[in-house]
Amino acid sequence: MKRFTHASIVGRVIDIPSELAAAQAEYNGEAGRAFIAALPDLAEEFLHRWELRLDGRPMHGVTALVLPVVRADDTPAVLKLQLLDEESDGEPVALRLWDGDGAVRLLDHDETTHTMLLERLDHTRMLSALPSSREAVLVIAHLLAHLSAMPAPKGMRRLGDIAQAMLDRTPWALERIPDPDTRRLVADGAAAVREVVDEPGDRLLHWDLHDENVLASDRAPWLAIDPKPLAGDPGFELWPALDNNFDAAEIRWRFDAMTDVLGLDRARARAWTLGRLLQNSLWDVEDGRPAEPRRLEIARRLRDYPS
C-alpha cells in the first residue's frame, strides 16, 4: 500500500526519513542500509547531472525517495531514487513502451543507479480519494485493459517462471502453516495455479495497480505509477484492487466488473487471482508472519465462485 509522506531537505542536504530507512533495513538488509547512506550524494549527483532545481518537499513510499523538481526548461518533474530489485528492474522498460499512454511518462533514466526522472503528476489526487470504490475499481480495470493490451518485451520476468517457482515451494510452506483452514486455502490456490501454469500469457502487466498507484494528471484523468512489470496473463492483475480498500461484500462485484472490462475468461482469472494468495502466503511463511485475514477472505469468496 502506498503512502506519500514527506521528508525534509535543508539546503542541498537530504534528511532521510526514518520510515524509509527502517523499511530498507527490514526488506533489503545491508544493501538497504548502504542505499540509505548513499542517498544524499545520489540526489545531489542527479540534481546536478540533469540540471534540476528542487521544487517542493521530498516524499517517500516504502522503497523510494521522490523529489519534486523543475527541469532547466521549467518543466515540472520528479526525481525517483530507489534500490534496484527484481520487481522494479523492468520499470523503465515498461514505462518507455507505454510512453505516457495510460501511465506516467519516463523522461530520463540512469541504468547504473536505476534513478528515474518522471513527469510530475498530482500526488494530492489519488484514485483512493474517490468517494465511490466501485468507480475506482472501474478506473483500474480500464487502465489494466489498456496497459496489458501490449505484449511484453523479451527479457521481462515471466509469470510462468514465477508460478512454477511458487508451486515448487508450496509443499515446504504447507508443512509450516498450522491452521488447517489457511492450509486448505493455500493448497487450493496451488491447485488452481497448476491448472493454468502451462499457459501463463505474454501481456505486459503492471502487477501492482491499486487505487494508491493511480494519480490524476492535467493531460489525462488518471495515470498509473510504480509498475512492477512482468509478462503474463492479465488475470494475475486483479488482486490489488480486491485487496486494497478491502470490502468483503464487494469482492465478487469487483472481480466480475474487472473480468468484464478486461474481457477475461472468468475461470482462468479466478485461478490466477488465487495464485496471488499463494504468492502472498509463501512470503508470509518465509517471513514468519501469519496470513492476513482479509486475503484469506478473498480466496474463500472466489474459490467456489461460479464462472
C-alpha atoms as a PDB file:
ATOM      1  CA  MET A   1       0.000   0.000   0.000  1.00  0.00           C
ATOM      2  CA  LYS A   2       1.421   3.374  -0.995  1.00  0.00           C
ATOM      3  CA  ARG A   3       1.768   6.263   1.428  1.00  0.00           C
ATOM      4  CA  PHE A   4       3.164   9.578   0.217  1.00  0.00           C
ATOM      5  CA  THR A   5       4.780  11.132   3.274  1.00  0.00           C
ATOM      6  CA  HIS A   6       7.228  13.980   3.375  1.00  0.00           C
ATOM      7  CA  ALA A   7      10.927  14.050   4.092  1.00  0.00           C
ATOM      8  CA  SER A   8      12.802  17.261   4.725  1.00  0.00           C
ATOM      9  CA  ILE A   9      15.657  18.961   2.929  1.00  0.00           C
ATOM     10  CA  VAL A  10      17.963  21.569   4.387  1.00  0.00           C
ATOM     11  CA  GLY A  11      19.845  23.483   1.730  1.00  0.00           C
ATOM     12  CA  ARG A  12      21.047  20.687  -0.522  1.00  0.00           C
ATOM     13  CA  VAL A  13      21.345  18.021   2.238  1.00  0.00           C
ATOM     14  CA  ILE A  14      18.531  15.485   2.499  1.00  0.00           C
ATOM     15  CA  ASP A  15      17.315  14.406   5.897  1.00  0.00           C
ATOM     16  CA  ILE A  16      16.447  10.765   5.184  1.00  0.00           C
ATOM     17  CA  PRO A  17      13.022   9.791   6.569  1.00  0.00           C
ATOM     18  CA  SER A  18      13.326   7.269   9.377  1.00  0.00           C
ATOM     19  CA  GLU A  19      10.416   5.245   7.956  1.00  0.00           C
ATOM     20  CA  LEU A  20      12.206   4.796   4.634  1.00  0.00           C
ATOM     21  CA  ALA A  21      15.448   3.862   6.380  1.00  0.00           C
ATOM     22  CA  ALA A  22      13.637   1.308   8.555  1.00  0.00           C
ATOM     23  CA  ALA A  23      11.854  -0.228   5.563  1.00  0.00           C
ATOM     24  CA  GLN A  24      15.092  -0.558   3.612  1.00  0.00           C
ATOM     25  CA  ALA A  25      16.832  -2.187   6.574  1.00  0.00           C
ATOM     26  CA  GLU A  26      13.936  -4.609   7.070  1.00  0.00           C
ATOM     27  CA  TYR A  27      13.468  -5.652   3.467  1.00  0.00           C
ATOM     28  CA  ASN A  28      16.966  -5.282   1.998  1.00  0.00           C
ATOM     29  CA  GLY A  29      19.315  -5.641   4.956  1.00  0.00           C
ATOM     30  CA  GLU A  30      22.844  -4.402   4.418  1.00  0.00           C
ATOM     31  CA  ALA A  31      22.116  -3.407   0.820  1.00  0.00           C
ATOM     32  CA  GLY A  32      19.218  -1.269   2.057  1.00  0.00           C
ATOM     33  CA  ARG A  33      21.326   0.422   4.695  1.00  0.00           C
ATOM     34  CA  ALA A  34      24.026   1.158   2.116  1.00  0.00           C
ATOM     35  CA  PHE A  35      21.397   2.632  -0.216  1.00  0.00           C
ATOM     36  CA  ILE A  36      20.116   4.935   2.523  1.00  0.00           C
ATOM     37  CA  ALA A  37      23.634   6.062   3.387  1.00  0.00           C
ATOM     38  CA  ALA A  38      24.312   6.927  -0.255  1.00  0.00           C
ATOM     39  CA  LEU A  39      21.022   8.749  -0.890  1.00  0.00           C
ATOM     40  CA  PRO A  40      22.127  12.340  -0.134  1.00  0.00           C
ATOM     41  CA  ASP A  41      25.092  12.119  -2.504  1.00  0.00           C
ATOM     42  CA  LEU A  42      22.996  10.293  -5.111  1.00  0.00           C
ATOM     43  CA  ALA A  43      20.341  13.010  -5.043  1.00  0.00           C
ATOM     44  CA  GLU A  44      22.965  15.723  -5.305  1.00  0.00           C
ATOM     45  CA  GLU A  45      24.586  13.966  -8.269  1.00  0.00           C
ATOM     46  CA  PHE A  46      21.413  13.770 -10.326  1.00  0.00           C
ATOM     47  CA  LEU A  47      20.183  17.226  -9.431  1.00  0.00           C
ATOM     48  CA  HIS A  48      23.424  18.462 -10.967  1.00  0.00           C
ATOM     49  CA  ARG A  49      23.673  15.973 -13.875  1.00  0.00           C
ATOM     50  CA  TRP A  50      20.141  16.546 -15.131  1.00  0.00           C
ATOM     51  CA  GLU A  51      20.110  20.287 -14.300  1.00  0.00           C
ATOM     52  CA  LEU A  52      17.240  20.076 -11.850  1.00  0.00           C
ATOM     53  CA  ARG A  53      16.008  22.505  -9.226  1.00  0.00           C
ATOM     54  CA  LEU A  54      14.227  21.289  -6.119  1.00  0.00           C
ATOM     55  CA  ASP A  55      10.608  22.376  -6.135  1.00  0.00           C
ATOM     56  CA  GLY A  56       8.798  21.302  -3.001  1.00  0.00           C
ATOM     57  CA  ARG A  57       9.051  18.913  -0.124  1.00  0.00           C
ATOM     58  CA  PRO A  58      10.504  15.459  -0.827  1.00  0.00           C
ATOM     59  CA  MET A  59       8.218  12.453  -0.495  1.00  0.00           C
ATOM     60  CA  HIS A  60       8.748   8.764   0.064  1.00  0.00           C
ATOM     61  CA  GLY A  61       6.906   5.488  -0.049  1.00  0.00           C
ATOM     62  CA  VAL A  62       8.184   2.176   1.272  1.00  0.00           C
ATOM     63  CA  THR A  63      11.074   1.792  -1.152  1.00  0.00           C
ATOM     64  CA  ALA A  64      11.796   5.085  -2.917  1.00  0.00           C
ATOM     65  CA  LEU A  65      12.603   8.715  -2.259  1.00  0.00           C
ATOM     66  CA  VAL A  66      10.798  11.085  -4.634  1.00  0.00           C
ATOM     67  CA  LEU A  67      11.972  14.681  -5.085  1.00  0.00           C
ATOM     68  CA  PRO A  68       9.751  17.255  -6.811  1.00  0.00           C
ATOM     69  CA  VAL A  69      11.984  19.121  -9.248  1.00  0.00           C
ATOM     70  CA  VAL A  70      11.916  21.541 -12.172  1.00  0.00           C
ATOM     71  CA  ARG A  71      13.995  20.956 -15.303  1.00  0.00           C
ATOM     72  CA  ALA A  72      16.136  23.600 -16.961  1.00  0.00           C
ATOM     73  CA  ASP A  73      13.271  24.390 -19.335  1.00  0.00           C
ATOM     74  CA  ASP A  74      10.928  24.908 -16.321  1.00  0.00           C
ATOM     75  CA  THR A  75       9.094  21.622 -16.869  1.00  0.00           C
ATOM     76  CA  PRO A  76       7.939  20.131 -13.539  1.00  0.00           C
ATOM     77  CA  ALA A  77       9.085  16.565 -12.888  1.00  0.00           C
ATOM     78  CA  VAL A  78      10.011  14.191 -10.070  1.00  0.00           C
ATOM     79  CA  LEU A  79      13.317  12.502  -9.372  1.00  0.00           C
ATOM     80  CA  LYS A  80      12.804   8.927  -8.165  1.00  0.00           C
ATOM     81  CA  LEU A  81      15.646   7.299  -6.249  1.00  0.00           C
ATOM     82  CA  GLN A  82      15.245   3.642  -5.352  1.00  0.00           C
ATOM     83  CA  LEU A  83      17.235   0.475  -4.835  1.00  0.00           C
ATOM     84  CA  LEU A  84      17.094  -1.846  -7.822  1.00  0.00           C
ATOM     85  CA  ASP A  85      15.427  -5.201  -7.131  1.00  0.00           C
ATOM     86  CA  GLU A  86      13.814  -7.974  -9.166  1.00  0.00           C
ATOM     87  CA  GLU A  87      10.390  -6.321  -9.162  1.00  0.00           C
ATOM     88  CA  SER A  88      11.498  -2.808 -10.110  1.00  0.00           C
ATOM     89  CA  ASP A  89      14.077  -3.940 -12.668  1.00  0.00           C
ATOM     90  CA  GLY A  90      11.646  -3.715 -15.595  1.00  0.00           C
ATOM     91  CA  GLU A  91      10.010  -0.426 -14.561  1.00  0.00           C
ATOM     92  CA  PRO A  92      11.840   1.880 -17.004  1.00  0.00           C
ATOM     93  CA  VAL A  93      11.392  -0.662 -19.830  1.00  0.00           C
ATOM     94  CA  ALA A  94       7.632  -0.791 -19.302  1.00  0.00           C
ATOM     95  CA  LEU A  95       7.315   2.979 -18.929  1.00  0.00           C
ATOM     96  CA  ARG A  96       9.205   3.539 -22.179  1.00  0.00           C
ATOM     97  CA  LEU A  97       6.934   1.110 -24.008  1.00  0.00           C
ATOM     98  CA  TRP A  98       3.758   2.696 -22.632  1.00  0.00           C
ATOM     99  CA  ASP A  99       5.258   6.132 -23.390  1.00  0.00           C
ATOM    100  CA  GLY A 100       2.809   8.006 -21.211  1.00  0.00           C
ATOM    101  CA  ASP A 101      -0.246   6.268 -22.667  1.00  0.00           C
ATOM    102  CA  GLY A 102      -2.093   5.193 -19.511  1.00  0.00           C
ATOM    103  CA  ALA A 103       0.964   5.541 -17.275  1.00  0.00           C
ATOM    104  CA  VAL A 104       3.354   8.185 -16.011  1.00  0.00           C
ATOM    105  CA  ARG A 105       5.885   9.233 -18.659  1.00  0.00           C
ATOM    106  CA  LEU A 106       9.579   8.412 -18.215  1.00  0.00           C
ATOM    107  CA  LEU A 107      11.734  11.458 -19.025  1.00  0.00           C
ATOM    108  CA  ASP A 108      15.204  10.103 -18.256  1.00  0.00           C
ATOM    109  CA  HIS A 109      16.816   7.050 -16.700  1.00  0.00           C
ATOM    110  CA  ASP A 110      20.216   6.031 -15.385  1.00  0.00           C
ATOM    111  CA  GLU A 111      20.800   2.306 -15.800  1.00  0.00           C
ATOM    112  CA  THR A 112      23.624   2.099 -13.279  1.00  0.00           C
ATOM    113  CA  THR A 113      21.727   3.507 -10.285  1.00  0.00           C
ATOM    114  CA  HIS A 114      18.161   2.898 -11.551  1.00  0.00           C
ATOM    115  CA  THR A 115      17.440   6.591 -10.920  1.00  0.00           C
ATOM    116  CA  MET A 116      14.492   7.857 -12.940  1.00  0.00           C
ATOM    117  CA  LEU A 117      13.194  11.258 -13.930  1.00  0.00           C
ATOM    118  CA  LEU A 118       9.415  11.126 -14.347  1.00  0.00           C
ATOM    119  CA  GLU A 119       6.736  13.573 -15.343  1.00  0.00           C
ATOM    120  CA  ARG A 120       5.075  15.132 -12.328  1.00  0.00           C
ATOM    121  CA  LEU A 121       1.529  14.013 -11.613  1.00  0.00           C
ATOM    122  CA  ASP A 122      -0.723  15.308  -8.843  1.00  0.00           C
ATOM    123  CA  HIS A 123       0.092  13.209  -5.770  1.00  0.00           C
ATOM    124  CA  THR A 124      -2.618  15.049  -3.819  1.00  0.00           C
ATOM    125  CA  ARG A 125      -5.268  13.475  -6.080  1.00  0.00           C
ATOM    126  CA  MET A 126      -5.049   9.715  -5.674  1.00  0.00           C
ATOM    127  CA  LEU A 127      -7.722   7.432  -7.030  1.00  0.00           C
ATOM    128  CA  SER A 128      -8.264   6.272  -3.438  1.00  0.00           C
ATOM    129  CA  ALA A 129      -9.877   9.660  -2.722  1.00  0.00           C
ATOM    130  CA  LEU A 130     -12.855   8.910  -4.934  1.00  0.00           C
ATOM    131  CA  PRO A 131     -15.979   8.534  -2.783  1.00  0.00           C
ATOM    132  CA  SER A 132     -17.159   5.539  -4.829  1.00  0.00           C
ATOM    133  CA  SER A 133     -14.977   2.449  -4.544  1.00  0.00           C
ATOM    134  CA  ARG A 134     -16.836   0.936  -7.479  1.00  0.00           C
ATOM    135  CA  GLU A 135     -15.933   3.869  -9.678  1.00  0.00           C
ATOM    136  CA  ALA A 136     -12.299   3.475  -8.606  1.00  0.00           C
ATOM    137  CA  VAL A 137     -12.308  -0.232  -9.469  1.00  0.00           C
ATOM    138  CA  LEU A 138     -13.676   0.525 -12.925  1.00  0.00           C
ATOM    139  CA  VAL A 139     -10.931   3.112 -13.492  1.00  0.00           C
ATOM    140  CA  ILE A 140      -8.349   0.484 -12.527  1.00  0.00           C
ATOM    141  CA  ALA A 141      -9.971  -2.094 -14.799  1.00  0.00           C
ATOM    142  CA  HIS A 142      -9.894   0.213 -17.822  1.00  0.00           C
ATOM    143  CA  LEU A 143      -6.259   1.146 -17.143  1.00  0.00           C
ATOM    144  CA  LEU A 144      -5.340  -2.530 -16.838  1.00  0.00           C
ATOM    145  CA  ALA A 145      -7.124  -3.362 -20.075  1.00  0.00           C
ATOM    146  CA  HIS A 146      -5.237  -0.602 -21.847  1.00  0.00           C
ATOM    147  CA  LEU A 147      -1.796  -1.317 -20.397  1.00  0.00           C
ATOM    148  CA  SER A 148      -1.973  -5.093 -20.826  1.00  0.00           C
ATOM    149  CA  ALA A 149      -3.028  -4.821 -24.471  1.00  0.00           C
ATOM    150  CA  MET A 150       0.687  -4.626 -25.276  1.00  0.00           C
ATOM    151  CA  PRO A 151       2.842  -7.775 -25.490  1.00  0.00           C
ATOM    152  CA  ALA A 152       5.731  -7.873 -23.034  1.00  0.00           C
ATOM    153  CA  PRO A 153       9.229  -7.404 -24.472  1.00  0.00           C
ATOM    154  CA  LYS A 154      11.867 -10.116 -24.445  1.00  0.00           C
ATOM    155  CA  GLY A 155      13.823 -10.264 -21.222  1.00  0.00           C
ATOM    156  CA  MET A 156      10.907  -9.254 -18.966  1.00  0.00           C
ATOM    157  CA  ARG A 157      10.466 -11.525 -15.947  1.00  0.00           C
ATOM    158  CA  ARG A 158       7.787 -14.063 -16.744  1.00  0.00           C
ATOM    159  CA  LEU A 159       4.708 -15.187 -14.849  1.00  0.00           C
ATOM    160  CA  GLY A 160       5.284 -18.784 -15.948  1.00  0.00           C
ATOM    161  CA  ASP A 161       8.630 -18.866 -14.144  1.00  0.00           C
ATOM    162  CA  ILE A 162       7.197 -17.172 -11.061  1.00  0.00           C
ATOM    163  CA  ALA A 163       4.225 -19.570 -10.937  1.00  0.00           C
ATOM    164  CA  GLN A 164       6.386 -22.676 -11.291  1.00  0.00           C
ATOM    165  CA  ALA A 165       8.703 -21.459  -8.544  1.00  0.00           C
ATOM    166  CA  MET A 166       5.662 -20.924  -6.291  1.00  0.00           C
ATOM    167  CA  LEU A 167       4.417 -24.452  -6.946  1.00  0.00           C
ATOM    168  CA  ASP A 168       7.853 -25.877  -6.203  1.00  0.00           C
ATOM    169  CA  ARG A 169       7.865 -24.036  -2.866  1.00  0.00           C
ATOM    170  CA  THR A 170       4.282 -24.923  -1.864  1.00  0.00           C
ATOM    171  CA  PRO A 171       4.926 -28.310  -0.134  1.00  0.00           C
ATOM    172  CA  TRP A 172       7.546 -26.684   2.090  1.00  0.00           C
ATOM    173  CA  ALA A 173       5.144 -23.858   3.007  1.00  0.00           C
ATOM    174  CA  LEU A 174       2.156 -26.109   3.705  1.00  0.00           C
ATOM    175  CA  GLU A 175       4.172 -28.004   6.298  1.00  0.00           C
ATOM    176  CA  ARG A 176       4.685 -24.719   8.152  1.00  0.00           C
ATOM    177  CA  ILE A 177       1.094 -23.418   8.175  1.00  0.00           C
ATOM    178  CA  PRO A 178      -0.517 -24.585  11.449  1.00  0.00           C
ATOM    179  CA  ASP A 179      -4.101 -23.504  10.817  1.00  0.00           C
ATOM    180  CA  PRO A 180      -5.968 -26.165   8.784  1.00  0.00           C
ATOM    181  CA  ASP A 181      -8.333 -23.709   7.094  1.00  0.00           C
ATOM    182  CA  THR A 182      -5.459 -21.488   5.967  1.00  0.00           C
ATOM    183  CA  ARG A 183      -3.524 -24.532   4.829  1.00  0.00           C
ATOM    184  CA  ARG A 184      -6.505 -25.709   2.782  1.00  0.00           C
ATOM    185  CA  LEU A 185      -6.952 -22.308   1.115  1.00  0.00           C
ATOM    186  CA  VAL A 186      -3.272 -22.158   0.193  1.00  0.00           C
ATOM    187  CA  ALA A 187      -3.379 -25.708  -1.151  1.00  0.00           C
ATOM    188  CA  ASP A 188      -6.460 -24.823  -3.207  1.00  0.00           C
ATOM    189  CA  GLY A 189      -4.623 -21.807  -4.580  1.00  0.00           C
ATOM    190  CA  ALA A 190      -1.748 -24.029  -5.650  1.00  0.00           C
ATOM    191  CA  ALA A 191      -4.161 -26.462  -7.279  1.00  0.00           C
ATOM    192  CA  ALA A 192      -5.729 -23.610  -9.238  1.00  0.00           C
ATOM    193  CA  VAL A 193      -2.319 -22.405 -10.450  1.00  0.00           C
ATOM    194  CA  ARG A 194      -1.415 -25.914 -11.619  1.00  0.00           C
ATOM    195  CA  GLU A 195      -4.397 -25.773 -13.963  1.00  0.00           C
ATOM    196  CA  VAL A 196      -3.135 -22.652 -15.754  1.00  0.00           C
ATOM    197  CA  VAL A 197       0.651 -22.662 -15.286  1.00  0.00           C
ATOM    198  CA  ASP A 198       1.272 -24.130 -18.752  1.00  0.00           C
ATOM    199  CA  GLU A 199      -0.434 -21.112 -20.364  1.00  0.00           C
ATOM    200  CA  PRO A 200       0.930 -18.137 -18.397  1.00  0.00           C
ATOM    201  CA  GLY A 201       0.287 -15.477 -21.035  1.00  0.00           C
ATOM    202  CA  ASP A 202       2.547 -12.890 -22.643  1.00  0.00           C
ATOM    203  CA  ARG A 203       0.961  -9.473 -21.952  1.00  0.00           C
ATOM    204  CA  LEU A 204       2.844  -6.607 -20.324  1.00  0.00           C
ATOM    205  CA  LEU A 205       1.490  -6.494 -16.776  1.00  0.00           C
ATOM    206  CA  HIS A 206       1.708  -3.736 -14.174  1.00  0.00           C
ATOM    207  CA  TRP A 207       1.323  -6.248 -11.270  1.00  0.00           C
ATOM    208  CA  ASP A 208       0.580  -3.669  -8.553  1.00  0.00           C
ATOM    209  CA  LEU A 209      -2.214  -1.442  -9.836  1.00  0.00           C
ATOM    210  CA  HIS A 210      -4.446  -0.385  -6.951  1.00  0.00           C
ATOM    211  CA  ASP A 211      -6.111   2.875  -6.010  1.00  0.00           C
ATOM    212  CA  GLU A 212      -2.976   4.394  -4.461  1.00  0.00           C
ATOM    213  CA  ASN A 213      -0.898   3.686  -7.564  1.00  0.00           C
ATOM    214  CA  VAL A 214      -3.176   5.797  -9.766  1.00  0.00           C
ATOM    215  CA  LEU A 215      -2.780   9.587  -9.803  1.00  0.00           C
ATOM    216  CA  ALA A 216      -4.587  12.413 -11.530  1.00  0.00           C
ATOM    217  CA  SER A 217      -2.911  14.462 -14.237  1.00  0.00           C
ATOM    218  CA  ASP A 218      -3.602  17.557 -16.305  1.00  0.00           C
ATOM    219  CA  ARG A 219      -3.181  15.590 -19.533  1.00  0.00           C
ATOM    220  CA  ALA A 220      -5.315  12.564 -18.555  1.00  0.00           C
ATOM    221  CA  PRO A 221      -7.888  11.931 -15.840  1.00  0.00           C
ATOM    222  CA  TRP A 222      -5.894   9.067 -14.294  1.00  0.00           C
ATOM    223  CA  LEU A 223      -2.457   7.556 -14.891  1.00  0.00           C
ATOM    224  CA  ALA A 224      -0.728   4.501 -13.427  1.00  0.00           C
ATOM    225  CA  ILE A 225       2.524   4.771 -11.489  1.00  0.00           C
ATOM    226  CA  ASP A 226       5.051   2.382  -9.909  1.00  0.00           C
ATOM    227  CA  PRO A 227       4.730  -0.695 -12.132  1.00  0.00           C
ATOM    228  CA  LYS A 228       6.459  -3.920 -11.116  1.00  0.00           C
ATOM    229  CA  PRO A 229       6.156  -5.343 -14.617  1.00  0.00           C
ATOM    230  CA  LEU A 230       6.172  -8.905 -15.848  1.00  0.00           C
ATOM    231  CA  ALA A 231       4.965 -10.882 -18.840  1.00  0.00           C
ATOM    232  CA  GLY A 232       1.841 -12.891 -18.226  1.00  0.00           C
ATOM    233  CA  ASP A 233      -1.919 -13.354 -18.075  1.00  0.00           C
ATOM    234  CA  PRO A 234      -3.929 -10.214 -17.156  1.00  0.00           C
ATOM    235  CA  GLY A 235      -5.878 -12.367 -14.687  1.00  0.00           C
ATOM    236  CA  PHE A 236      -2.843 -12.011 -12.415  1.00  0.00           C
ATOM    237  CA  GLU A 237      -3.541  -8.251 -12.248  1.00  0.00           C
ATOM    238  CA  LEU A 238      -6.845  -8.304 -10.358  1.00  0.00           C
ATOM    239  CA  TRP A 239      -5.664  -8.991  -6.806  1.00  0.00           C
ATOM    240  CA  PRO A 240      -4.513  -5.481  -5.749  1.00  0.00           C
ATOM    241  CA  ALA A 241      -7.943  -3.961  -6.465  1.00  0.00           C
ATOM    242  CA  LEU A 242      -9.567  -6.701  -4.353  1.00  0.00           C
ATOM    243  CA  ASP A 243      -7.079  -6.373  -1.505  1.00  0.00           C
ATOM    244  CA  ASN A 244      -6.676  -2.595  -1.196  1.00  0.00           C
ATOM    245  CA  ASN A 245      -9.615  -0.660   0.221  1.00  0.00           C
ATOM    246  CA  PHE A 246     -10.875  -4.095   1.264  1.00  0.00           C
ATOM    247  CA  ASP A 247     -14.612  -4.718   1.485  1.00  0.00           C
ATOM    248  CA  ALA A 248     -15.689  -8.361   1.789  1.00  0.00           C
ATOM    249  CA  ALA A 249     -19.136  -7.647   0.372  1.00  0.00           C
ATOM    250  CA  GLU A 250     -17.586  -6.113  -2.771  1.00  0.00           C
ATOM    251  CA  ILE A 251     -15.149  -8.909  -3.663  1.00  0.00           C
ATOM    252  CA  ARG A 252     -17.348 -10.692  -6.195  1.00  0.00           C
ATOM    253  CA  TRP A 253     -18.661  -7.457  -7.706  1.00  0.00           C
ATOM    254  CA  ARG A 254     -15.117  -6.183  -8.229  1.00  0.00           C
ATOM    255  CA  PHE A 255     -13.973  -9.484  -9.691  1.00  0.00           C
ATOM    256  CA  ASP A 256     -16.910  -9.611 -12.115  1.00  0.00           C
ATOM    257  CA  ALA A 257     -16.515  -5.955 -13.107  1.00  0.00           C
ATOM    258  CA  MET A 258     -12.794  -6.274 -13.822  1.00  0.00           C
ATOM    259  CA  THR A 259     -13.086  -9.529 -15.755  1.00  0.00           C
ATOM    260  CA  ASP A 260     -15.880  -7.982 -17.832  1.00  0.00           C
ATOM    261  CA  VAL A 261     -13.884  -4.843 -18.668  1.00  0.00           C
ATOM    262  CA  LEU A 262     -10.728  -6.814 -19.477  1.00  0.00           C
ATOM    263  CA  GLY A 263     -12.651  -9.467 -21.405  1.00  0.00           C
ATOM    264  CA  LEU A 264     -11.103 -12.300 -19.387  1.00  0.00           C
ATOM    265  CA  ASP A 265     -12.137 -15.907 -19.090  1.00  0.00           C
ATOM    266  CA  ARG A 266     -13.510 -15.899 -15.561  1.00  0.00           C
ATOM    267  CA  ALA A 267     -12.292 -19.375 -14.587  1.00  0.00           C
ATOM    268  CA  ARG A 268      -8.716 -18.591 -15.646  1.00  0.00           C
ATOM    269  CA  ALA A 269      -8.835 -15.181 -13.981  1.00  0.00           C
ATOM    270  CA  ARG A 270     -10.033 -16.803 -10.759  1.00  0.00           C
ATOM    271  CA  ALA A 271      -7.164 -19.297 -10.907  1.00  0.00           C
ATOM    272  CA  TRP A 272      -4.575 -16.562 -11.355  1.00  0.00           C
ATOM    273  CA  THR A 273      -6.187 -14.474  -8.603  1.00  0.00           C
ATOM    274  CA  LEU A 274      -5.905 -17.425  -6.232  1.00  0.00           C
ATOM    275  CA  GLY A 275      -2.298 -17.566  -7.370  1.00  0.00           C
ATOM    276  CA  ARG A 276      -1.781 -14.164  -5.795  1.00  0.00           C
ATOM    277  CA  LEU A 277      -2.982 -15.595  -2.480  1.00  0.00           C
ATOM    278  CA  LEU A 278      -0.415 -18.360  -2.921  1.00  0.00           C
ATOM    279  CA  GLN A 279       2.291 -15.801  -3.648  1.00  0.00           C
ATOM    280  CA  ASN A 280       1.439 -13.720  -0.583  1.00  0.00           C
ATOM    281  CA  SER A 281       1.152 -16.825   1.600  1.00  0.00           C
ATOM    282  CA  LEU A 282       4.606 -18.028   0.591  1.00  0.00           C
ATOM    283  CA  TRP A 283       6.050 -14.637   1.515  1.00  0.00           C
ATOM    284  CA  ASP A 284       4.221 -14.755   4.864  1.00  0.00           C
ATOM    285  CA  VAL A 285       5.617 -18.195   5.697  1.00  0.00           C
ATOM    286  CA  GLU A 286       9.131 -17.191   4.655  1.00  0.00           C
ATOM    287  CA  ASP A 287       8.952 -14.107   6.897  1.00  0.00           C
ATOM    288  CA  GLY A 288       7.289 -15.922   9.804  1.00  0.00           C
ATOM    289  CA  ARG A 289       4.087 -13.864   9.600  1.00  0.00           C
ATOM    290  CA  PRO A 290       0.512 -15.121   9.951  1.00  0.00           C
ATOM    291  CA  ALA A 291      -1.751 -14.854   6.927  1.00  0.00           C
ATOM    292  CA  GLU A 292      -3.757 -11.639   6.572  1.00  0.00           C
ATOM    293  CA  PRO A 293      -7.452 -12.414   7.327  1.00  0.00           C
ATOM    294  CA  ARG A 294      -8.700 -10.198   4.501  1.00  0.00           C
ATOM    295  CA  ARG A 295      -6.571 -12.078   1.972  1.00  0.00           C
ATOM    296  CA  LEU A 296      -7.957 -15.400   3.160  1.00  0.00           C
ATOM    297  CA  GLU A 297     -11.457 -13.984   2.815  1.00  0.00           C
ATOM    298  CA  ILE A 298     -10.794 -13.022  -0.807  1.00  0.00           C
ATOM    299  CA  ALA A 299      -9.751 -16.600  -1.506  1.00  0.00           C
ATOM    300  CA  ARG A 300     -12.785 -18.054   0.280  1.00  0.00           C
ATOM    301  CA  ARG A 301     -15.210 -15.927  -1.695  1.00  0.00           C
ATOM    302  CA  LEU A 302     -13.587 -16.657  -5.055  1.00  0.00           C
ATOM    303  CA  ARG A 303     -12.624 -20.312  -4.592  1.00  0.00           C
ATOM    304  CA  ASP A 304     -16.094 -21.702  -5.221  1.00  0.00           C
ATOM    305  CA  TYR A 305     -17.495 -18.772  -7.168  1.00  0.00           C
ATOM    306  CA  PRO A 306     -19.148 -19.985 -10.388  1.00  0.00           C
ATOM    307  CA  SER A 307     -17.549 -18.890 -13.612  1.00  0.00           C
END
